[in-house]
Amino acid sequence: MAIRGVHVEAAGLFHRYGTRKGFAFEHVNMEARPGEAVAIIGRSGCGKSTVLQAVAGLLQPTGGSVRINGLTVAKPSPRWILLFQAPHLYPWMKVSQNVGIGLQFAGRPKDEIRERVAKVLRLVDLEAFSENNVQDLSGGQQQRVALARSLVMEPELLLLDEPFSALDAFTQSALQRDVRSIVKDLGITLILVTHDIDEAVLMADRVLIMAGSPGTIVHSIPIDLDGARERDDPSALAIRRRVMEMFEAAEAARATRPGPAAKESVGAGAKAGPQSDIETASAADFFGR
């Protein structure tokens, strides 16, 4: 397998929305190696989705830095894609049109668009629905369309913000298995945030526990499971119990002994480091022109 994923590193990261509001997260240090799948778990409100937006370049943190392959993230890029909880498709378009919209914005030739769209639709098992209107698809199928739209851009980094949380258990399980398989086959670096410990264990090579409010990463746990991953596998269940115990202990410790304010270690209002070579100023630029 060729690894096309990137190395992601966040150092001393913290963020607050306005000077009169509390911190969304603080003292966040994390790493994802090329081709690695990393899950960040935490309760609602701990700031994990905000961390993901900072990694994607959609939000500039108050302090600290995010670096991808050694370059400071200052803006979004077509090389890393964030998939949200809702698929955000264009309801008046066909499946193939939704999947290829980024390539169209990027000004790619029509023959290339058709070829790449057909390839990713096969990858996500939607080839038979290419000419269907997305409004006629189920929720799980629509999320697969959103995944295909992300993959068609040939990203190096895929970021998932609880994209399966609104789906039924059977569809969740299928997508968790398929997405892990796809990113591993393509060598993409994957970072997902979730409050579902089962999802983290089934999809990740390593789980980061984010605890407290504001949240900070307190544990990094390797997920040593070979072959296909199933919820009822004894090894998976044992790891799940361990992760749950560590998560509950971390939450209890943070509740009784909060860490120092982020502004004590990094000056409030500190800016990210030198701008990277990524230039993204419009929708067309975001999709790779």
Protein backbone atom coordinates (compact mmCIF):
# COMPACT_ATOMS: atom_id res chain seq x y z
CA MET A 1 0.00 0.00 0.00
CA ALA A 2 1.31 3.44 -0.95
CA ILE A 3 1.00 5.96 1.88
CA ARG A 4 -0.20 9.31 0.58
CA GLY A 5 -1.33 10.59 3.96
CA VAL A 6 0.27 13.49 5.81
CA HIS A 7 1.88 14.05 9.19
CA VAL A 8 -0.31 16.24 11.42
CA GLU A 9 0.95 17.91 14.59
CA ALA A 10 -0.86 20.28 16.95
CA ALA A 11 1.24 21.96 19.63
CA GLY A 12 0.07 24.06 22.58
CA LEU A 13 -3.30 24.60 20.92
CA PHE A 14 -6.04 26.60 22.67
CA HIS A 15 -9.02 28.62 21.55
CA ARG A 16 -11.69 30.94 22.94
CA TYR A 17 -14.59 32.64 21.16
CA GLY A 18 -14.14 36.26 22.24
CA THR A 19 -12.31 37.67 25.25
CA ARG A 20 -15.36 37.46 27.52
CA LYS A 21 -16.07 33.80 26.83
CA GLY A 22 -14.45 30.70 28.25
CA PHE A 23 -11.97 28.53 26.42
CA ALA A 24 -13.30 25.96 23.96
CA PHE A 25 -10.20 23.81 24.58
CA GLU A 26 -6.72 24.28 26.02
CA HIS A 27 -3.24 22.71 26.06
CA VAL A 28 -4.02 20.43 23.13
CA ASN A 29 -1.01 18.51 21.84
CA MET A 30 -1.61 15.73 19.34
CA GLU A 31 -0.10 13.93 16.39
CA ALA A 32 -1.29 11.77 13.51
CA ARG A 33 1.30 9.96 11.45
CA PRO A 34 1.01 9.43 7.66
CA GLY A 35 -1.63 6.79 6.93
CA GLU A 36 -2.69 6.55 10.58
CA ALA A 37 -6.32 6.58 11.76
CA VAL A 38 -6.74 8.60 14.97
CA ALA A 39 -9.97 9.06 16.93
CA ILE A 40 -10.57 11.85 19.45
CA ILE A 41 -13.27 10.94 21.96
CA GLY A 42 -14.90 13.25 24.47
CA ARG A 43 -18.18 14.48 25.85
CA SER A 44 -20.22 17.14 24.07
CA GLY A 45 -18.79 20.58 24.79
CA CYS A 46 -15.17 19.54 25.33
CA GLY A 47 -14.05 21.28 22.11
CA LYS A 48 -13.18 18.28 19.96
CA SER A 49 -15.05 19.53 16.87
CA THR A 50 -13.36 22.93 17.23
CA VAL A 51 -9.97 21.18 17.28
CA LEU A 52 -10.93 19.43 14.04
CA GLN A 53 -11.84 22.76 12.43
CA ALA A 54 -8.47 24.17 13.45
CA VAL A 55 -6.70 21.20 11.86
CA ALA A 56 -8.74 21.73 8.67
CA GLY A 57 -7.74 25.40 8.53
CA LEU A 58 -11.36 26.55 8.86
CA LEU A 59 -10.65 28.23 12.19
CA GLN A 60 -7.54 30.04 13.41
CA PRO A 61 -6.92 29.07 17.05
CA THR A 62 -6.27 31.74 19.66
CA GLY A 63 -2.88 30.22 20.37
CA GLY A 64 -0.60 27.35 19.50
CA SER A 65 -0.16 25.91 16.03
CA VAL A 66 -1.21 23.13 13.67
CA ARG A 67 1.40 21.89 11.22
CA ILE A 68 0.87 19.49 8.33
CA ASN A 69 4.04 18.03 6.88
CA GLY A 70 5.93 20.78 8.70
CA LEU A 71 3.91 23.67 7.26
CA THR A 72 1.72 25.80 9.52
CA VAL A 73 -1.97 25.53 8.62
CA ALA A 74 -3.33 28.99 7.90
CA LYS A 75 -6.13 28.24 5.41
CA PRO A 76 -8.16 25.30 4.08
CA SER A 77 -6.81 23.18 1.26
CA PRO A 78 -8.20 20.65 -1.23
CA ARG A 79 -5.55 18.28 0.12
CA TRP A 80 -7.45 17.82 3.38
CA ILE A 81 -11.20 17.38 3.59
CA LEU A 82 -13.59 17.77 6.53
CA LEU A 83 -16.77 15.66 6.43
CA PHE A 84 -19.54 17.01 8.67
CA GLN A 85 -22.46 15.31 10.42
CA ALA A 86 -24.87 16.37 7.65
CA PRO A 87 -23.88 15.50 4.06
CA HIS A 88 -24.70 19.01 2.70
CA LEU A 89 -25.51 17.82 -0.81
CA TYR A 90 -27.11 19.78 -3.63
CA PRO A 91 -30.65 18.32 -3.68
CA TRP A 92 -31.39 19.31 -7.30
CA MET A 93 -28.34 17.45 -8.63
CA LYS A 94 -27.76 13.82 -9.48
CA VAL A 95 -25.35 11.69 -7.46
CA SER A 96 -22.60 11.94 -10.09
CA GLN A 97 -22.99 15.72 -10.29
CA ASN A 98 -22.72 16.10 -6.51
CA VAL A 99 -19.61 13.94 -6.41
CA GLY A 100 -17.92 15.81 -9.24
CA ILE A 101 -18.76 19.38 -8.19
CA GLY A 102 -15.32 19.98 -6.64
CA LEU A 103 -13.54 18.88 -9.80
CA GLN A 104 -15.83 21.12 -11.80
CA PHE A 105 -14.92 24.11 -9.60
CA ALA A 106 -11.28 23.17 -10.11
CA GLY A 107 -11.70 23.38 -13.88
CA ARG A 108 -10.81 19.76 -14.58
CA PRO A 109 -11.55 18.35 -18.05
CA LYS A 110 -14.93 16.63 -18.42
CA ASP A 111 -13.38 13.27 -19.32
CA GLU A 112 -11.25 13.35 -16.17
CA ILE A 113 -14.27 14.25 -14.04
CA ARG A 114 -16.30 11.33 -15.44
CA GLU A 115 -13.44 8.89 -14.88
CA ARG A 116 -12.68 9.98 -11.32
CA VAL A 117 -16.36 10.14 -10.33
CA ALA A 118 -17.01 6.63 -11.65
CA LYS A 119 -13.97 5.34 -9.75
CA VAL A 120 -15.02 6.70 -6.35
CA LEU A 121 -18.66 5.66 -6.82
CA ARG A 122 -17.42 2.09 -7.26
CA LEU A 123 -15.28 2.55 -4.14
CA VAL A 124 -18.28 3.57 -1.98
CA ASP A 125 -20.65 1.05 -3.60
CA LEU A 126 -22.89 3.63 -5.29
CA GLU A 127 -22.11 2.94 -8.94
CA ALA A 128 -25.70 1.80 -9.60
CA PHE A 129 -27.05 5.12 -8.25
CA SER A 130 -24.92 7.44 -10.38
CA GLU A 131 -27.88 9.00 -12.21
CA ASN A 132 -30.28 9.08 -9.25
CA ASN A 133 -31.31 12.33 -7.66
CA VAL A 134 -29.77 12.54 -4.18
CA GLN A 135 -33.20 13.30 -2.68
CA ASP A 136 -34.24 9.74 -3.55
CA LEU A 137 -31.43 8.17 -1.50
CA SER A 138 -31.44 7.00 2.11
CA GLY A 139 -29.50 8.86 4.79
CA GLY A 140 -26.70 6.33 4.68
CA GLN A 141 -26.47 6.53 0.90
CA GLN A 142 -26.37 10.33 1.05
CA GLN A 143 -23.47 10.13 3.51
CA ARG A 144 -21.70 7.82 1.07
CA VAL A 145 -22.21 10.45 -1.65
CA ALA A 146 -20.59 13.04 0.65
CA LEU A 147 -17.71 10.63 1.28
CA ALA A 148 -17.30 10.06 -2.47
CA ARG A 149 -17.27 13.83 -3.04
CA SER A 150 -14.42 14.04 -0.53
CA LEU A 151 -12.46 11.12 -1.98
CA VAL A 152 -12.73 12.31 -5.57
CA MET A 153 -10.44 15.22 -4.64
CA GLU A 154 -7.76 12.63 -3.78
CA PRO A 155 -7.13 14.07 -0.30
CA GLU A 156 -4.12 13.31 1.88
CA LEU A 157 -6.09 13.91 5.08
CA LEU A 158 -9.72 13.04 5.85
CA LEU A 159 -11.34 14.66 8.89
CA LEU A 160 -14.64 13.27 10.18
CA ASP A 161 -16.88 15.22 12.56
CA GLU A 162 -19.27 12.55 13.88
CA PRO A 163 -20.59 11.93 10.34
CA PHE A 164 -22.52 8.76 11.24
CA SER A 165 -24.24 9.93 14.44
CA ALA A 166 -27.66 10.49 12.81
CA LEU A 167 -27.76 7.09 11.10
CA ASP A 168 -29.27 3.81 12.27
CA ALA A 169 -27.00 1.25 13.94
CA PHE A 170 -26.76 -1.07 10.92
CA THR A 171 -25.82 1.76 8.55
CA GLN A 172 -23.35 3.15 11.08
CA SER A 173 -21.63 -0.20 11.38
CA ALA A 174 -21.33 -0.62 7.60
CA LEU A 175 -19.92 2.88 7.07
CA GLN A 176 -17.47 2.58 9.96
CA ARG A 177 -16.09 -0.62 8.46
CA ASP A 178 -16.05 0.66 4.88
CA VAL A 179 -14.48 4.05 5.64
CA ARG A 180 -11.66 2.45 7.61
CA SER A 181 -11.07 -0.01 4.79
CA ILE A 182 -11.04 2.74 2.14
CA VAL A 183 -8.63 5.07 3.95
CA LYS A 184 -6.30 2.17 4.73
CA ASP A 185 -6.35 0.99 1.10
CA LEU A 186 -5.61 4.53 -0.12
CA GLY A 187 -3.08 5.36 2.61
CA ILE A 188 -4.98 8.47 3.74
CA THR A 189 -4.43 9.94 7.20
CA LEU A 190 -7.74 9.90 9.11
CA ILE A 191 -8.73 11.97 12.15
CA LEU A 192 -12.26 11.59 13.49
CA VAL A 193 -14.00 13.04 16.51
CA THR A 194 -16.74 11.11 18.26
CA HIS A 195 -18.42 10.53 21.60
CA ASP A 196 -19.02 6.89 20.60
CA ILE A 197 -16.28 4.71 22.12
CA ASP A 198 -17.34 1.71 20.00
CA GLU A 199 -16.87 3.79 16.84
CA ALA A 200 -13.43 4.93 17.98
CA VAL A 201 -12.27 1.36 18.72
CA LEU A 202 -13.63 0.01 15.42
CA MET A 203 -12.16 2.73 13.21
CA ALA A 204 -8.93 3.97 14.78
CA ASP A 205 -5.35 2.80 15.18
CA ARG A 206 -5.08 5.07 18.20
CA VAL A 207 -7.62 6.79 20.47
CA LEU A 208 -7.04 10.17 22.10
CA ILE A 209 -9.13 10.89 25.19
CA MET A 210 -10.23 14.52 25.50
CA ALA A 211 -11.61 15.39 28.94
CA GLY A 212 -12.86 18.42 30.82
CA SER A 213 -14.48 21.65 29.77
CA PRO A 214 -12.49 23.32 28.36
CA GLY A 215 -11.13 20.05 27.08
CA THR A 216 -7.58 18.85 26.77
CA ILE A 217 -6.11 15.57 25.53
CA VAL A 218 -5.10 13.44 28.50
CA HIS A 219 -4.45 9.94 27.12
CA SER A 220 -3.29 8.27 23.89
CA ILE A 221 -4.30 4.61 23.62
CA PRO A 222 -3.13 2.28 20.82
CA ILE A 223 -5.82 0.01 19.36
CA ASP A 224 -4.04 -3.28 18.69
CA LEU A 225 -6.58 -5.29 16.70
CA ASP A 226 -5.74 -7.46 13.72
CA GLY A 227 -7.95 -8.12 10.70
CA ALA A 228 -11.62 -7.18 10.43
CA ARG A 229 -13.06 -5.44 13.46
CA GLU A 230 -16.38 -6.51 14.93
CA ARG A 231 -18.24 -5.04 17.91
CA ASP A 232 -18.69 -8.41 19.61
CA ASP A 233 -15.06 -9.53 19.20
CA PRO A 234 -13.63 -10.29 22.69
CA SER A 235 -10.44 -8.33 21.97
CA ALA A 236 -12.43 -5.29 20.82
CA LEU A 237 -14.67 -5.50 23.89
CA ALA A 238 -11.64 -5.67 26.20
CA ILE A 239 -10.11 -2.57 24.60
CA ARG A 240 -13.47 -0.80 24.77
CA ARG A 241 -13.67 -1.46 28.52
CA ARG A 242 -10.15 -0.15 29.01
CA VAL A 243 -10.87 3.01 27.01
CA MET A 244 -14.11 3.59 28.92
CA GLU A 245 -12.40 3.17 32.30
CA MET A 246 -9.62 5.59 31.33
CA PHE A 247 -12.13 8.08 29.96
CA GLU A 248 -14.26 8.03 33.11
CA ALA A 249 -11.19 8.37 35.33
CA ALA A 250 -9.92 11.29 33.25
CA GLU A 251 -13.28 13.07 33.41
CA ALA A 252 -13.40 12.65 37.20
CA ALA A 253 -9.85 13.95 37.60
CA ARG A 254 -10.48 17.00 35.40
CA ALA A 255 -13.67 17.81 37.29
CA THR A 256 -11.87 17.93 40.65
CA ARG A 257 -8.51 19.30 39.53
CA PRO A 258 -8.81 21.65 36.52
CA GLY A 259 -5.62 22.54 34.69
CA PRO A 260 -4.13 26.04 34.48
CA ALA A 261 -5.66 28.58 32.11
CA ALA A 262 -4.23 28.46 28.62
CA LYS A 263 -3.26 32.11 28.72
CA GLU A 264 -0.68 31.32 31.40
CA SER A 265 1.41 29.25 28.99
CA VAL A 266 0.77 31.04 25.68
CA GLY A 267 0.01 34.71 25.34
CA ALA A 268 -3.65 35.48 24.68
CA GLY A 269 -4.19 36.45 21.08
CA ALA A 270 -1.02 34.70 19.92
CA LYS A 271 -1.12 33.98 16.23
CA ALA A 272 -0.21 30.86 14.31
CA GLY A 273 3.26 30.58 12.83
CA PRO A 274 4.40 31.44 9.29
CA GLN A 275 1.73 31.02 6.64
CA SER A 276 1.91 27.77 4.71
CA ASP A 277 2.11 27.46 0.94
CA ILE A 278 -1.64 26.80 0.78
CA GLU A 279 -3.58 29.50 -1.05
CA THR A 280 -7.35 29.30 -0.73
CA ALA A 281 -9.41 32.41 -1.21
CA SER A 282 -12.58 31.25 -2.92
CA ALA A 283 -14.79 28.22 -3.48
CA ALA A 284 -12.97 27.44 -6.70
CA ASP A 285 -9.61 27.62 -4.92
CA PHE A 286 -10.85 25.38 -2.12
CA PHE A 287 -11.66 22.66 -4.63
CA GLY A 288 -8.19 22.72 -6.09
CA ARG A 289 -7.83 25.29 -8.88
